[in-house]
């Protein structure tokens, strides 16, 4: 099993989660983080670190976010690893409570 970053991360990209990941499974895109399902060990330490509750266990991904399972796997193949916390995107607070952010995803 793995964890999945959902749409809530798009245009926020808080990176608190990467500091606690023991296996460096997070990958960084322009305005989103993904989890490499081949690297994630299902430890769950990242879940409480996310200020927008964007990380969930794969088996708990809501129905309207199921597409994010495959998207995390796809994006993590091409994006570089991120292992240290960075500042969130400048307008992250403006986006953190919005829904339906998939059209905003930059690849």
Protein backbone atom coordinates (compact mmCIF):
# COMPACT_ATOMS: atom_id res chain seq x y z
CA UNK A 1 0.00 0.00 0.00
CA UNK A 2 1.06 3.60 -0.48
CA UNK A 3 -0.06 7.10 0.32
CA UNK A 4 -1.48 9.52 -2.21
CA UNK A 5 -1.29 13.29 -2.55
CA UNK A 6 -4.72 14.60 -3.53
CA UNK A 7 -5.82 17.73 -5.40
CA UNK A 8 -5.71 19.74 -2.16
CA UNK A 9 -1.94 20.13 -2.68
CA UNK A 10 -2.25 21.79 -6.09
CA UNK A 11 -1.19 25.47 -6.02
CA UNK A 12 -0.22 25.19 -2.36
CA UNK A 13 2.72 22.78 -2.32
CA UNK A 14 3.41 22.93 1.39
CA UNK A 15 6.47 20.76 1.92
CA UNK A 16 6.26 19.99 5.64
CA UNK A 17 5.74 16.35 4.67
CA UNK A 18 9.10 15.89 2.99
CA UNK A 19 11.07 16.64 6.16
CA UNK A 20 9.59 13.64 7.97
CA UNK A 21 9.62 11.08 5.15
CA UNK A 22 12.15 8.36 6.05
CA UNK A 23 12.47 7.09 2.46
CA UNK A 24 12.36 10.31 0.41
CA UNK A 25 9.37 9.23 -1.66
CA UNK A 26 8.11 12.74 -2.48
CA UNK A 27 8.60 14.20 -5.94
CA UNK A 28 8.35 17.89 -6.78
CA UNK A 29 6.54 19.47 -9.68
CA UNK A 30 5.93 23.15 -10.42
CA UNK A 31 2.86 23.49 -8.17
CA UNK A 32 2.24 20.05 -6.69
CA UNK A 33 4.00 17.22 -4.85
CA UNK A 34 3.47 13.57 -5.67
CA UNK A 35 4.35 10.37 -3.84
CA UNK A 36 6.27 7.66 -5.64
CA UNK A 37 4.24 4.51 -4.90
CA UNK A 38 7.31 2.32 -5.43
CA UNK A 39 9.20 4.18 -2.69
CA UNK A 40 6.47 4.85 -0.12
CA UNK A 41 6.60 2.42 2.82
CA UNK A 42 3.15 3.32 4.19
CA UNK A 43 4.55 4.69 7.45
CA UNK A 44 2.00 7.54 7.59
CA UNK A 45 4.31 10.06 9.27
CA UNK A 46 3.60 12.56 6.48
CA UNK A 47 -0.16 12.64 6.99
CA UNK A 48 -0.32 14.85 10.11
CA UNK A 49 2.35 17.17 8.70
CA UNK A 50 0.24 18.35 5.76
CA UNK A 51 -1.54 21.60 6.68
CA UNK A 52 -4.21 21.05 4.00
CA UNK A 53 -4.83 17.33 4.66
CA UNK A 54 -3.79 16.47 1.10
CA UNK A 55 -2.15 13.12 1.94
CA UNK A 56 -4.23 10.00 2.50
CA UNK A 57 -3.65 6.25 2.50
CA UNK A 58 -4.45 4.76 -0.90
CA UNK A 59 -7.32 2.73 0.53
CA UNK A 60 -8.90 5.93 1.94
CA UNK A 61 -8.72 8.07 -1.20
CA UNK A 62 -12.21 9.58 -1.64
CA UNK A 63 -14.20 8.56 -4.70
CA UNK A 64 -13.82 11.95 -6.34
CA UNK A 65 -10.03 11.74 -5.93
CA UNK A 66 -9.43 8.21 -7.22
CA UNK A 67 -7.77 9.61 -10.35
CA UNK A 68 -5.00 10.94 -8.11
CA UNK A 69 -3.68 7.42 -7.43
CA UNK A 70 -2.60 6.97 -11.05
CA UNK A 71 -1.57 10.61 -11.36
CA UNK A 72 0.84 10.36 -8.41
CA UNK A 73 2.43 7.29 -9.98
CA UNK A 74 2.70 8.95 -13.39
CA UNK A 75 4.12 12.26 -12.19
CA UNK A 76 6.58 10.71 -9.76
CA UNK A 77 8.30 8.91 -12.64
CA UNK A 78 9.38 12.20 -14.21
CA UNK A 79 9.73 14.62 -11.34
CA UNK A 80 12.82 15.01 -9.14
CA UNK A 81 12.98 13.93 -5.53
CA UNK A 82 12.46 16.56 -2.85
CA UNK A 83 13.96 15.87 0.58
CA UNK A 84 14.04 19.26 2.32
CA UNK A 85 11.25 21.63 3.24
CA UNK A 86 10.85 24.71 1.07
CA UNK A 87 8.58 27.69 1.36
CA UNK A 88 5.06 27.07 0.03
CA UNK A 89 3.97 28.81 -3.13
CA UNK A 90 3.49 32.56 -2.60
CA UNK A 91 -0.30 32.41 -2.88
CA UNK A 92 -0.73 29.04 -1.13
CA UNK A 93 -2.99 30.47 1.56
CA UNK A 94 -5.35 31.78 -1.13
CA UNK A 95 -5.66 28.26 -2.61
CA UNK A 96 -5.59 25.99 0.44
CA UNK A 97 -9.36 25.73 0.93
CA UNK A 98 -10.37 25.56 -2.73
CA UNK A 99 -11.63 22.40 -4.37
CA UNK A 100 -11.59 21.24 -7.99
CA UNK A 101 -8.00 22.33 -8.51
CA UNK A 102 -6.97 19.67 -11.04
CA UNK A 103 -7.18 22.11 -14.01
CA UNK A 104 -4.54 24.20 -12.19
CA UNK A 105 -1.98 21.37 -12.14
CA UNK A 106 1.25 22.22 -13.94
CA UNK A 107 3.23 19.31 -15.27
